[in-house]
């Protein structure tokens, strides 16, 4: 009878090991899928910011050309140009922040993996 209990316990531990392995794999796969989704969303946001930067460059060039044609000498000191430059700086900072967030997400590891590595 003790032999049956021993083999029953071995089957149970094997089943538990398989279940734990399956659960861990599912957790890692879910984490990786979520990580990929977040990266893609950040890249979409980054592409939007880059389009806005391009539009701001275009607006700035157009405004500078118009001011020059109107005979304005101190073009860089005009309110419109300084506002556009400030807007460009803000957009560039937003792009840099998004790029840093993308890199940080790429470096993330699944929480369960980190806990098991400590043990």
PDB file of N, CA and C in Angstrom:
ATOM      1  N   UNK A   1       0.792  -1.190   0.000  1.00  0.00           N
ATOM      2  CA  UNK A   1       0.000   0.000   0.000  1.00  0.00           C
ATOM      3  C   UNK A   1       0.836   1.256   0.000  1.00  0.00           C
ATOM      4  N   UNK A   2       1.937   1.239   0.688  1.00  0.00           N
ATOM      5  CA  UNK A   2       2.788   2.420   0.719  1.00  0.00           C
ATOM      6  C   UNK A   2       3.361   2.692  -0.660  1.00  0.00           C
ATOM      7  N   UNK A   3       3.535   1.651  -1.483  1.00  0.00           N
ATOM      8  CA  UNK A   3       4.029   1.858  -2.839  1.00  0.00           C
ATOM      9  C   UNK A   3       3.016   2.639  -3.661  1.00  0.00           C
ATOM     10  N   UNK A   4       1.720   2.365  -3.456  1.00  0.00           N
ATOM     11  CA  UNK A   4       0.687   3.092  -4.190  1.00  0.00           C
ATOM     12  C   UNK A   4       0.677   4.558  -3.782  1.00  0.00           C
ATOM     13  N   UNK A   5       0.847   4.829  -2.511  1.00  0.00           N
ATOM     14  CA  UNK A   5       0.874   6.212  -2.033  1.00  0.00           C
ATOM     15  C   UNK A   5       2.067   6.951  -2.607  1.00  0.00           C
ATOM     16  N   UNK A   6       3.220   6.240  -2.649  1.00  0.00           N
ATOM     17  CA  UNK A   6       4.412   6.871  -3.197  1.00  0.00           C
ATOM     18  C   UNK A   6       4.213   7.219  -4.668  1.00  0.00           C
ATOM     19  N   UNK A   7       3.670   6.277  -5.438  1.00  0.00           N
ATOM     20  CA  UNK A   7       3.476   6.556  -6.862  1.00  0.00           C
ATOM     21  C   UNK A   7       2.394   7.612  -7.034  1.00  0.00           C
ATOM     22  N   UNK A   8       1.372   7.614  -6.187  1.00  0.00           N
ATOM     23  CA  UNK A   8       0.314   8.639  -6.241  1.00  0.00           C
ATOM     24  C   UNK A   8       0.877  10.010  -5.937  1.00  0.00           C
ATOM     25  N   UNK A   9       1.769  10.087  -4.974  1.00  0.00           N
ATOM     26  CA  UNK A   9       2.383  11.365  -4.638  1.00  0.00           C
ATOM     27  C   UNK A   9       3.290  11.843  -5.766  1.00  0.00           C
ATOM     28  N   UNK A  10       3.999  10.921  -6.410  1.00  0.00           N
ATOM     29  CA  UNK A  10       4.856  11.292  -7.527  1.00  0.00           C
ATOM     30  C   UNK A  10       4.032  11.829  -8.682  1.00  0.00           C
ATOM     31  N   UNK A  11       2.899  11.194  -8.971  1.00  0.00           N
ATOM     32  CA  UNK A  11       2.030  11.671 -10.039  1.00  0.00           C
ATOM     33  C   UNK A  11       1.501  13.063  -9.703  1.00  0.00           C
ATOM     34  N   UNK A  12       1.150  13.239  -8.453  1.00  0.00           N
ATOM     35  CA  UNK A  12       0.625  14.540  -8.037  1.00  0.00           C
ATOM     36  C   UNK A  12       1.700  15.615  -8.181  1.00  0.00           C
ATOM     37  N   UNK A  13       2.887  15.321  -7.745  1.00  0.00           N
ATOM     38  CA  UNK A  13       3.940  16.327  -7.875  1.00  0.00           C
ATOM     39  C   UNK A  13       4.286  16.576  -9.334  1.00  0.00           C
ATOM     40  N   UNK A  14       4.241  15.539 -10.155  1.00  0.00           N
ATOM     41  CA  UNK A  14       4.483  15.723 -11.586  1.00  0.00           C
ATOM     42  C   UNK A  14       3.381  16.575 -12.191  1.00  0.00           C
ATOM     43  N   UNK A  15       2.149  16.294 -11.827  1.00  0.00           N
ATOM     44  CA  UNK A  15       1.014  17.081 -12.319  1.00  0.00           C
ATOM     45  C   UNK A  15       1.132  18.526 -11.859  1.00  0.00           C
ATOM     46  N   UNK A  16       1.502  18.687 -10.603  1.00  0.00           N
ATOM     47  CA  UNK A  16       1.679  20.051 -10.091  1.00  0.00           C
ATOM     48  C   UNK A  16       2.790  20.772 -10.839  1.00  0.00           C
ATOM     49  N   UNK A  17       3.870  20.070 -11.122  1.00  0.00           N
ATOM     50  CA  UNK A  17       4.975  20.678 -11.859  1.00  0.00           C
ATOM     51  C   UNK A  17       4.533  21.091 -13.255  1.00  0.00           C
ATOM     52  N   UNK A  18       3.777  20.219 -13.909  1.00  0.00           N
ATOM     53  CA  UNK A  18       3.275  20.547 -15.249  1.00  0.00           C
ATOM     54  C   UNK A  18       2.352  21.758 -15.169  1.00  0.00           C
ATOM     55  N   UNK A  19       1.460  21.759 -14.185  1.00  0.00           N
ATOM     56  CA  UNK A  19       0.530  22.880 -14.020  1.00  0.00           C
ATOM     57  C   UNK A  19       1.289  24.173 -13.728  1.00  0.00           C
ATOM     58  N   UNK A  20       2.261  24.121 -12.848  1.00  0.00           N
ATOM     59  CA  UNK A  20       3.058  25.313 -12.532  1.00  0.00           C
ATOM     60  C   UNK A  20       3.813  25.808 -13.761  1.00  0.00           C
ATOM     61  N   UNK A  21       4.361  24.890 -14.517  1.00  0.00           N
ATOM     62  CA  UNK A  21       5.081  25.268 -15.731  1.00  0.00           C
ATOM     63  C   UNK A  21       4.127  25.903 -16.747  1.00  0.00           C
ATOM     64  N   UNK A  22       2.951  25.321 -16.899  1.00  0.00           N
ATOM     65  CA  UNK A  22       1.953  25.872 -17.824  1.00  0.00           C
ATOM     66  C   UNK A  22       1.513  27.251 -17.377  1.00  0.00           C
ATOM     67  N   UNK A  23       1.264  27.402 -16.093  1.00  0.00           N
ATOM     68  CA  UNK A  23       0.831  28.691 -15.549  1.00  0.00           C
ATOM     69  C   UNK A  23       1.923  29.741 -15.721  1.00  0.00           C
ATOM     70  N   UNK A  24       3.158  29.363 -15.485  1.00  0.00           N
ATOM     71  CA  UNK A  24       4.274  30.290 -15.646  1.00  0.00           C
ATOM     72  C   UNK A  24       4.416  30.707 -17.112  1.00  0.00           C
ATOM     73  N   UNK A  25       4.309  29.736 -18.019  1.00  0.00           N
ATOM     74  CA  UNK A  25       4.403  30.030 -19.452  1.00  0.00           C
ATOM     75  C   UNK A  25       3.290  30.962 -19.880  1.00  0.00           C
ATOM     76  N   UNK A  26       2.083  30.717 -19.412  1.00  0.00           N
ATOM     77  CA  UNK A  26       0.950  31.576 -19.736  1.00  0.00           C
ATOM     78  C   UNK A  26       1.160  32.987 -19.190  1.00  0.00           C
ATOM     79  N   UNK A  27       1.667  33.071 -17.974  1.00  0.00           N
ATOM     80  CA  UNK A  27       1.924  34.381 -17.369  1.00  0.00           C
ATOM     81  C   UNK A  27       2.972  35.158 -18.179  1.00  0.00           C
ATOM     82  N   UNK A  28       4.026  34.481 -18.562  1.00  0.00           N
ATOM     83  CA  UNK A  28       5.095  35.134 -19.332  1.00  0.00           C
ATOM     84  C   UNK A  28       4.575  35.561 -20.698  1.00  0.00           C
ATOM     85  N   UNK A  29       3.792  34.691 -21.335  1.00  0.00           N
ATOM     86  CA  UNK A  29       3.234  35.027 -22.652  1.00  0.00           C
ATOM     87  C   UNK A  29       2.294  36.229 -22.554  1.00  0.00           C
ATOM     88  N   UNK A  30       1.481  36.257 -21.530  1.00  0.00           N
ATOM     89  CA  UNK A  30       0.563  37.384 -21.322  1.00  0.00           C
ATOM     90  C   UNK A  30       1.346  38.662 -21.063  1.00  0.00           C
ATOM     91  N   UNK A  31       2.375  38.558 -20.239  1.00  0.00           N
ATOM     92  CA  UNK A  31       3.201  39.721 -19.942  1.00  0.00           C
ATOM     93  C   UNK A  31       3.871  40.253 -21.204  1.00  0.00           C
ATOM     94  N   UNK A  32       4.426  39.352 -22.016  1.00  0.00           N
ATOM     95  CA  UNK A  32       5.104  39.758 -23.249  1.00  0.00           C
ATOM     96  C   UNK A  32       4.121  40.388 -24.237  1.00  0.00           C
ATOM     97  N   UNK A  33       2.914  39.832 -24.323  1.00  0.00           N
ATOM     98  CA  UNK A  33       1.904  40.395 -25.222  1.00  0.00           C
ATOM     99  C   UNK A  33       1.504  41.798 -24.767  1.00  0.00           C
ATOM    100  N   UNK A  34       1.331  41.972 -23.471  1.00  0.00           N
ATOM    101  CA  UNK A  34       0.985  43.285 -22.925  1.00  0.00           C
ATOM    102  C   UNK A  34       2.126  44.277 -23.140  1.00  0.00           C
ATOM    103  N   UNK A  35       3.340  43.807 -22.962  1.00  0.00           N
ATOM    104  CA  UNK A  35       4.527  44.637 -23.179  1.00  0.00           C
ATOM    105  C   UNK A  35       4.589  45.096 -24.636  1.00  0.00           C
ATOM    106  N   UNK A  36       4.349  44.182 -25.561  1.00  0.00           N
ATOM    107  CA  UNK A  36       4.363  44.506 -26.983  1.00  0.00           C
ATOM    108  C   UNK A  36       3.267  45.525 -27.311  1.00  0.00           C
ATOM    109  N   UNK A  37       2.094  45.332 -26.739  1.00  0.00           N
ATOM    110  CA  UNK A  37       0.979  46.254 -26.966  1.00  0.00           C
ATOM    111  C   UNK A  37       1.337  47.660 -26.488  1.00  0.00           C
ATOM    112  N   UNK A  38       1.959  47.758 -25.321  1.00  0.00           N
ATOM    113  CA  UNK A  38       2.344  49.069 -24.787  1.00  0.00           C
ATOM    114  C   UNK A  38       3.406  49.730 -25.665  1.00  0.00           C
ATOM    115  N   UNK A  39       4.361  48.948 -26.159  1.00  0.00           N
ATOM    116  CA  UNK A  39       5.402  49.494 -27.043  1.00  0.00           C
ATOM    117  C   UNK A  39       4.778  50.020 -28.332  1.00  0.00           C
ATOM    118  N   UNK A  40       3.878  49.249 -28.908  1.00  0.00           N
ATOM    119  CA  UNK A  40       3.229  49.666 -30.154  1.00  0.00           C
ATOM    120  C   UNK A  40       2.455  50.963 -29.933  1.00  0.00           C
ATOM    121  N   UNK A  41       1.737  51.057 -28.808  1.00  0.00           N
ATOM    122  CA  UNK A  41       0.971  52.282 -28.537  1.00  0.00           C
ATOM    123  C   UNK A  41       1.908  53.482 -28.386  1.00  0.00           C
ATOM    124  N   UNK A  42       3.016  53.296 -27.696  1.00  0.00           N
ATOM    125  CA  UNK A  42       3.987  54.388 -27.546  1.00  0.00           C
ATOM    126  C   UNK A  42       4.574  54.795 -28.894  1.00  0.00           C
ATOM    127  N   UNK A  43       4.814  53.808 -29.765  1.00  0.00           N
ATOM    128  CA  UNK A  43       5.352  54.128 -31.087  1.00  0.00           C
ATOM    129  C   UNK A  43       4.333  54.879 -31.933  1.00  0.00           C
ATOM    130  N   UNK A  44       3.059  54.545 -31.784  1.00  0.00           N
ATOM    131  CA  UNK A  44       2.006  55.284 -32.486  1.00  0.00           C
ATOM    132  C   UNK A  44       1.981  56.724 -31.979  1.00  0.00           C
ATOM    133  N   UNK A  45       2.053  56.883 -30.654  1.00  0.00           N
ATOM    134  CA  UNK A  45       2.090  58.232 -30.072  1.00  0.00           C
ATOM    135  C   UNK A  45       3.316  59.005 -30.559  1.00  0.00           C
ATOM    136  N   UNK A  46       4.448  58.324 -30.639  1.00  0.00           N
ATOM    137  CA  UNK A  46       5.684  58.956 -31.099  1.00  0.00           C
ATOM    138  C   UNK A  46       5.556  59.396 -32.560  1.00  0.00           C
ATOM    139  N   UNK A  47       4.943  58.565 -33.393  1.00  0.00           N
ATOM    140  CA  UNK A  47       4.742  58.933 -34.799  1.00  0.00           C
ATOM    141  C   UNK A  47       3.852  60.171 -34.900  1.00  0.00           C
ATOM    142  N   UNK A  48       2.852  60.260 -34.047  1.00  0.00           N
ATOM    143  CA  UNK A  48       1.971  61.433 -34.029  1.00  0.00           C
ATOM    144  C   UNK A  48       2.750  62.686 -33.644  1.00  0.00           C
ATOM    145  N   UNK A  49       3.604  62.570 -32.648  1.00  0.00           N
ATOM    146  CA  UNK A  49       4.425  63.711 -32.221  1.00  0.00           C
ATOM    147  C   UNK A  49       5.368  64.127 -33.349  1.00  0.00           C
ATOM    148  N   UNK A  50       5.952  63.159 -34.036  1.00  0.00           N
ATOM    149  CA  UNK A  50       6.855  63.484 -35.145  1.00  0.00           C
ATOM    150  C   UNK A  50       6.114  64.200 -36.280  1.00  0.00           C
ATOM    151  N   UNK A  51       4.868  63.804 -36.530  1.00  0.00           N
ATOM    152  CA  UNK A  51       4.073  64.517 -37.545  1.00  0.00           C
ATOM    153  C   UNK A  51       3.815  65.957 -37.098  1.00  0.00           C
ATOM    154  N   UNK A  52       3.544  66.137 -35.813  1.00  0.00           N
ATOM    155  CA  UNK A  52       3.320  67.491 -35.289  1.00  0.00           C
ATOM    156  C   UNK A  52       4.592  68.329 -35.387  1.00  0.00           C
ATOM    157  N   UNK A  53       5.744  67.706 -35.164  1.00  0.00           N
ATOM    158  CA  UNK A  53       7.019  68.421 -35.299  1.00  0.00           C
ATOM    159  C   UNK A  53       7.202  68.869 -36.742  1.00  0.00           C
ATOM    160  N   UNK A  54       6.908  67.997 -37.678  1.00  0.00           N
ATOM    161  CA  UNK A  54       7.003  68.366 -39.092  1.00  0.00           C
ATOM    162  C   UNK A  54       6.078  69.521 -39.444  1.00  0.00           C
ATOM    163  N   UNK A  55       4.870  69.485 -38.921  1.00  0.00           N
ATOM    164  CA  UNK A  55       3.915  70.568 -39.176  1.00  0.00           C
ATOM    165  C   UNK A  55       4.397  71.869 -38.544  1.00  0.00           C
ATOM    166  N   UNK A  56       4.965  71.776 -37.350  1.00  0.00           N
ATOM    167  CA  UNK A  56       5.465  72.976 -36.677  1.00  0.00           C
ATOM    168  C   UNK A  56       6.652  73.570 -37.449  1.00  0.00           C
ATOM    169  N   UNK A  57       7.517  72.711 -37.986  1.00  0.00           N
ATOM    170  CA  UNK A  57       8.630  73.196 -38.821  1.00  0.00           C
ATOM    171  C   UNK A  57       8.090  73.937 -40.034  1.00  0.00           C
ATOM    172  N   UNK A  58       7.084  73.362 -40.639  1.00  0.00           N
ATOM    173  CA  UNK A  58       6.475  73.991 -41.808  1.00  0.00           C
ATOM    174  C   UNK A  58       5.869  75.351 -41.444  1.00  0.00           C
ATOM    175  N   UNK A  59       5.135  75.397 -40.327  1.00  0.00           N
ATOM    176  CA  UNK A  59       4.530  76.658 -39.866  1.00  0.00           C
ATOM    177  C   UNK A  59       5.597  77.701 -39.570  1.00  0.00           C
ATOM    178  N   UNK A  60       6.690  77.272 -38.939  1.00  0.00           N
ATOM    179  CA  UNK A  60       7.771  78.180 -38.601  1.00  0.00           C
ATOM    180  C   UNK A  60       8.413  78.751 -39.866  1.00  0.00           C
ATOM    181  N   UNK A  61       8.694  77.880 -40.824  1.00  0.00           N
ATOM    182  CA  UNK A  61       9.290  78.343 -42.078  1.00  0.00           C
ATOM    183  C   UNK A  61       8.373  79.316 -42.804  1.00  0.00           C
ATOM    184  N   UNK A  62       7.110  78.996 -42.851  1.00  0.00           N
ATOM    185  CA  UNK A  62       6.135  79.873 -43.518  1.00  0.00           C
ATOM    186  C   UNK A  62       6.084  81.229 -42.823  1.00  0.00           C
ATOM    187  N   UNK A  63       6.033  81.208 -41.499  1.00  0.00           N
ATOM    188  CA  UNK A  63       5.949  82.460 -40.730  1.00  0.00           C
ATOM    189  C   UNK A  63       7.204  83.308 -40.922  1.00  0.00           C
ATOM    190  N   UNK A  64       8.374  82.687 -40.882  1.00  0.00           N
ATOM    191  CA  UNK A  64       9.629  83.423 -41.074  1.00  0.00           C
ATOM    192  C   UNK A  64       9.668  84.043 -42.474  1.00  0.00           C
ATOM    193  N   UNK A  65       9.233  83.288 -43.473  1.00  0.00           N
ATOM    194  CA  UNK A  65       9.216  83.811 -44.837  1.00  0.00           C
ATOM    195  C   UNK A  65       8.271  85.019 -44.951  1.00  0.00           C
ATOM    196  N   UNK A  66       7.097  84.910 -44.345  1.00  0.00           N
ATOM    197  CA  UNK A  66       6.138  86.020 -44.393  1.00  0.00           C
ATOM    198  C   UNK A  66       6.684  87.259 -43.684  1.00  0.00           C
ATOM    199  N   UNK A  67       7.322  87.058 -42.547  1.00  0.00           N
ATOM    200  CA  UNK A  67       7.887  88.188 -41.812  1.00  0.00           C
ATOM    201  C   UNK A  67       9.010  88.848 -42.624  1.00  0.00           C
ATOM    202  N   UNK A  68       9.833  88.034 -43.243  1.00  0.00           N
ATOM    203  CA  UNK A  68      10.924  88.555 -44.064  1.00  0.00           C
ATOM    204  C   UNK A  68      10.369  89.366 -45.230  1.00  0.00           C
ATOM    205  N   UNK A  69       9.333  88.836 -45.878  1.00  0.00           N
ATOM    206  CA  UNK A  69       8.716  89.555 -47.001  1.00  0.00           C
ATOM    207  C   UNK A  69       8.084  90.873 -46.559  1.00  0.00           C
ATOM    208  N   UNK A  70       7.627  90.931 -45.324  1.00  0.00           N
ATOM    209  CA  UNK A  70       7.012  92.152 -44.794  1.00  0.00           C
ATOM    210  C   UNK A  70       8.050  93.140 -44.269  1.00  0.00           C
ATOM    211  N   UNK A  71       9.329  92.781 -44.393  1.00  0.00           N
ATOM    212  CA  UNK A  71      10.387  93.711 -44.016  1.00  0.00           C
ATOM    213  C   UNK A  71      10.734  93.716 -42.535  1.00  0.00           C
ATOM    214  N   UNK A  72      10.281  92.734 -41.789  1.00  0.00           N
ATOM    215  CA  UNK A  72      10.613  92.641 -40.359  1.00  0.00           C
ATOM    216  C   UNK A  72      12.080  92.231 -40.246  1.00  0.00           C
ATOM    217  N   UNK A  73      12.845  92.997 -39.463  1.00  0.00           N
ATOM    218  CA  UNK A  73      14.282  92.752 -39.334  1.00  0.00           C
ATOM    219  C   UNK A  73      14.576  91.748 -38.213  1.00  0.00           C
ATOM    220  N   UNK A  74      13.983  91.941 -37.067  1.00  0.00           N
ATOM    221  CA  UNK A  74      14.241  91.078 -35.905  1.00  0.00           C
ATOM    222  C   UNK A  74      13.235  89.919 -35.907  1.00  0.00           C
ATOM    223  N   UNK A  75      13.372  89.043 -36.876  1.00  0.00           N
ATOM    224  CA  UNK A  75      12.408  87.938 -37.049  1.00  0.00           C
ATOM    225  C   UNK A  75      12.383  87.014 -35.833  1.00  0.00           C
ATOM    226  N   UNK A  76      13.530  86.696 -35.295  1.00  0.00           N
ATOM    227  CA  UNK A  76      13.606  85.736 -34.189  1.00  0.00           C
ATOM    228  C   UNK A  76      12.990  86.262 -32.898  1.00  0.00           C
ATOM    229  N   UNK A  77      12.837  87.577 -32.774  1.00  0.00           N
ATOM    230  CA  UNK A  77      12.283  88.146 -31.557  1.00  0.00           C
ATOM    231  C   UNK A  77      10.768  88.344 -31.630  1.00  0.00           C
ATOM    232  N   UNK A  78      10.164  88.046 -32.761  1.00  0.00           N
ATOM    233  CA  UNK A  78       8.719  88.243 -32.872  1.00  0.00           C
ATOM    234  C   UNK A  78       7.988  87.211 -32.027  1.00  0.00           C
ATOM    235  N   UNK A  79       6.817  87.597 -31.572  1.00  0.00           N
ATOM    236  CA  UNK A  79       6.030  86.736 -30.686  1.00  0.00           C
ATOM    237  C   UNK A  79       5.634  85.426 -31.363  1.00  0.00           C
ATOM    238  N   UNK A  80       5.249  85.508 -32.611  1.00  0.00           N
ATOM    239  CA  UNK A  80       4.818  84.308 -33.339  1.00  0.00           C
ATOM    240  C   UNK A  80       5.961  83.301 -33.459  1.00  0.00           C
ATOM    241  N   UNK A  81       7.136  83.773 -33.797  1.00  0.00           N
ATOM    242  CA  UNK A  81       8.284  82.879 -33.969  1.00  0.00           C
ATOM    243  C   UNK A  81       8.683  82.266 -32.626  1.00  0.00           C
ATOM    244  N   UNK A  82       8.728  83.057 -31.575  1.00  0.00           N
ATOM    245  CA  UNK A  82       9.108  82.507 -30.262  1.00  0.00           C
ATOM    246  C   UNK A  82       8.081  81.481 -29.782  1.00  0.00           C
ATOM    247  N   UNK A  83       6.789  81.703 -30.067  1.00  0.00           N
ATOM    248  CA  UNK A  83       5.769  80.716 -29.681  1.00  0.00           C
ATOM    249  C   UNK A  83       5.952  79.414 -30.459  1.00  0.00           C
ATOM    250  N   UNK A  84       6.239  79.545 -31.748  1.00  0.00           N
ATOM    251  CA  UNK A  84       6.463  78.337 -32.557  1.00  0.00           C
ATOM    252  C   UNK A  84       7.713  77.583 -32.108  1.00  0.00           C
ATOM    253  N   UNK A  85       8.757  78.311 -31.755  1.00  0.00           N
ATOM    254  CA  UNK A  85       9.974  77.659 -31.267  1.00  0.00           C
ATOM    255  C   UNK A  85       9.719  76.957 -29.928  1.00  0.00           C
ATOM    256  N   UNK A  86       8.941  77.595 -29.070  1.00  0.00           N
ATOM    257  CA  UNK A  86       8.579  76.978 -27.788  1.00  0.00           C
ATOM    258  C   UNK A  86       7.767  75.709 -28.021  1.00  0.00           C
ATOM    259  N   UNK A  87       6.833  75.788 -28.972  1.00  0.00           N
ATOM    260  CA  UNK A  87       6.023  74.614 -29.314  1.00  0.00           C
ATOM    261  C   UNK A  87       6.914  73.482 -29.835  1.00  0.00           C
ATOM    262  N   UNK A  88       7.880  73.830 -30.681  1.00  0.00           N
ATOM    263  CA  UNK A  88       8.818  72.827 -31.195  1.00  0.00           C
ATOM    264  C   UNK A  88       9.631  72.180 -30.075  1.00  0.00           C
ATOM    265  N   UNK A  89      10.096  73.002 -29.144  1.00  0.00           N
ATOM    266  CA  UNK A  89      10.857  72.468 -28.008  1.00  0.00           C
ATOM    267  C   UNK A  89      10.008  71.496 -27.192  1.00  0.00           C
ATOM    268  N   UNK A  90       8.750  71.881 -26.957  1.00  0.00           N
ATOM    269  CA  UNK A  90       7.854  71.007 -26.195  1.00  0.00           C
ATOM    270  C   UNK A  90       7.615  69.683 -26.922  1.00  0.00           C
ATOM    271  N   UNK A  91       7.414  69.747 -28.226  1.00  0.00           N
ATOM    272  CA  UNK A  91       7.198  68.532 -29.007  1.00  0.00           C
ATOM    273  C   UNK A  91       8.440  67.642 -29.014  1.00  0.00           C
ATOM    274  N   UNK A  92       9.604  68.244 -29.130  1.00  0.00           N
ATOM    275  CA  UNK A  92      10.847  67.462 -29.111  1.00  0.00           C
ATOM    276  C   UNK A  92      11.051  66.798 -27.753  1.00  0.00           C
ATOM    277  N   UNK A  93      10.710  67.513 -26.676  1.00  0.00           N
ATOM    278  CA  UNK A  93      10.804  66.920 -25.339  1.00  0.00           C
ATOM    279  C   UNK A  93       9.822  65.762 -25.185  1.00  0.00           C
ATOM    280  N   UNK A  94       8.613  65.923 -25.725  1.00  0.00           N
ATOM    281  CA  UNK A  94       7.622  64.847 -25.672  1.00  0.00           C
ATOM    282  C   UNK A  94       8.120  63.626 -26.439  1.00  0.00           C
ATOM    283  N   UNK A  95       8.739  63.849 -27.584  1.00  0.00           N
ATOM    284  CA  UNK A  95       9.283  62.739 -28.377  1.00  0.00           C
ATOM    285  C   UNK A  95      10.402  62.026 -27.616  1.00  0.00           C
ATOM    286  N   UNK A  96      11.273  62.787 -26.986  1.00  0.00           N
ATOM    287  CA  UNK A  96      12.369  62.182 -26.217  1.00  0.00           C
ATOM    288  C   UNK A  96      11.827  61.367 -25.047  1.00  0.00           C
ATOM    289  N   UNK A  97      10.787  61.873 -24.398  1.00  0.00           N
ATOM    290  CA  UNK A  97      10.169  61.159 -23.283  1.00  0.00           C
ATOM    291  C   UNK A  97       9.564  59.844 -23.766  1.00  0.00           C
ATOM    292  N   UNK A  98       8.856  59.890 -24.888  1.00  0.00           N
ATOM    293  CA  UNK A  98       8.264  58.666 -25.431  1.00  0.00           C
ATOM    294  C   UNK A  98       9.336  57.648 -25.811  1.00  0.00           C
ATOM    295  N   UNK A  99      10.421  58.107 -26.391  1.00  0.00           N
ATOM    296  CA  UNK A  99      11.513  57.196 -26.752  1.00  0.00           C
ATOM    297  C   UNK A  99      12.115  56.548 -25.507  1.00  0.00           C
ATOM    298  N   UNK A 100      12.263  57.322 -24.444  1.00  0.00           N
ATOM    299  CA  UNK A 100      12.791  56.773 -23.194  1.00  0.00           C
ATOM    300  C   UNK A 100      11.815  55.758 -22.586  1.00  0.00           C
ATOM    301  N   UNK A 101      10.520  56.046 -22.668  1.00  0.00           N
ATOM    302  CA  UNK A 101       9.512  55.119 -22.153  1.00  0.00           C
ATOM    303  C   UNK A 101       9.522  53.810 -22.939  1.00  0.00           C
ATOM    304  N   UNK A 102       9.699  53.896 -24.249  1.00  0.00           N
ATOM    305  CA  UNK A 102       9.765  52.690 -25.084  1.00  0.00           C
ATOM    306  C   UNK A 102      10.959  51.837 -24.665  1.00  0.00           C
ATOM    307  N   UNK A 103      12.099  52.456 -24.464  1.00  0.00           N
ATOM    308  CA  UNK A 103      13.294  51.709 -24.047  1.00  0.00           C
ATOM    309  C   UNK A 103      13.093  51.088 -22.670  1.00  0.00           C
ATOM    310  N   UNK A 104      12.441  51.813 -21.756  1.00  0.00           N
ATOM    311  CA  UNK A 104      12.188  51.277 -20.415  1.00  0.00           C
ATOM    312  C   UNK A 104      11.261  50.068 -20.483  1.00  0.00           C
ATOM    313  N   UNK A 105      10.247  50.132 -21.333  1.00  0.00           N
ATOM    314  CA  UNK A 105       9.323  49.007 -21.477  1.00  0.00           C
ATOM    315  C   UNK A 105      10.057  47.794 -22.043  1.00  0.00           C
ATOM    316  N   UNK A 106      10.944  48.017 -22.996  1.00  0.00           N
ATOM    317  CA  UNK A 106      11.703  46.909 -23.594  1.00  0.00           C
ATOM    318  C   UNK A 106      12.549  46.182 -22.559  1.00  0.00           C
ATOM    319  N   UNK A 107      12.999  46.891 -21.527  1.00  0.00           N
ATOM    320  CA  UNK A 107      13.870  46.298 -20.515  1.00  0.00           C
ATOM    321  C   UNK A 107      13.114  45.613 -19.378  1.00  0.00           C
ATOM    322  N   UNK A 108      11.785  45.779 -19.333  1.00  0.00           N
ATOM    323  CA  UNK A 108      10.986  45.191 -18.259  1.00  0.00           C
ATOM    324  C   UNK A 108      11.030  43.667 -18.339  1.00  0.00           C
ATOM    325  N   UNK A 109      10.997  43.047 -17.168  1.00  0.00           N
ATOM    326  CA  UNK A 109      10.934  41.596 -17.085  1.00  0.00           C
ATOM    327  C   UNK A 109       9.666  41.206 -16.351  1.00  0.00           C
ATOM    328  N   UNK A 110       9.186  40.019 -16.617  1.00  0.00           N
ATOM    329  CA  UNK A 110       7.980  39.533 -15.953  1.00  0.00           C
ATOM    330  C   UNK A 110       8.236  39.446 -14.454  1.00  0.00           C
ATOM    331  N   UNK A 111       7.315  39.931 -13.624  1.00  0.00           N
ATOM    332  CA  UNK A 111       7.511  39.928 -12.167  1.00  0.00           C
ATOM    333  C   UNK A 111       7.748  38.532 -11.597  1.00  0.00           C
ATOM    334  N   UNK A 112       7.070  37.516 -12.095  1.00  0.00           N
ATOM    335  CA  UNK A 112       7.237  36.177 -11.558  1.00  0.00           C
ATOM    336  C   UNK A 112       8.643  35.648 -11.798  1.00  0.00           C
ATOM    337  N   UNK A 113       9.233  35.986 -12.956  1.00  0.00           N
ATOM    338  CA  UNK A 113      10.597  35.556 -13.254  1.00  0.00           C
ATOM    339  C   UNK A 113      11.578  36.148 -12.254  1.00  0.00           C
ATOM    340  N   UNK A 114      11.390  37.425 -11.941  1.00  0.00           N
ATOM    341  CA  UNK A 114      12.305  38.066 -11.007  1.00  0.00           C
ATOM    342  C   UNK A 114      12.234  37.420  -9.635  1.00  0.00           C
ATOM    343  N   UNK A 115      11.019  37.057  -9.181  1.00  0.00           N
ATOM    344  CA  UNK A 115      10.864  36.449  -7.869  1.00  0.00           C
ATOM    345  C   UNK A 115      11.528  35.082  -7.832  1.00  0.00           C
ATOM    346  N   UNK A 116      11.409  34.306  -8.902  1.00  0.00           N
ATOM    347  CA  UNK A 116      12.007  32.981  -8.927  1.00  0.00           C
ATOM    348  C   UNK A 116      13.523  33.062  -8.985  1.00  0.00           C
ATOM    349  N   UNK A 117      14.061  34.081  -9.647  1.00  0.00           N
ATOM    350  CA  UNK A 117      15.511  34.232  -9.724  1.00  0.00           C
ATOM    351  C   UNK A 117      16.112  34.570  -8.369  1.00  0.00           C
ATOM    352  N   UNK A 118      15.341  35.215  -7.499  1.00  0.00           N
ATOM    353  CA  UNK A 118      15.832  35.575  -6.162  1.00  0.00           C
ATOM    354  C   UNK A 118      15.921  34.362  -5.264  1.00  0.00           C
ATOM    355  N   UNK A 119      15.049  33.353  -5.522  1.00  0.00           N
ATOM    356  CA  UNK A 119      15.024  32.160  -4.671  1.00  0.00           C
ATOM    357  C   UNK A 119      16.179  31.302  -4.894  1.00  0.00           C
TER     358      UNK A 119
END
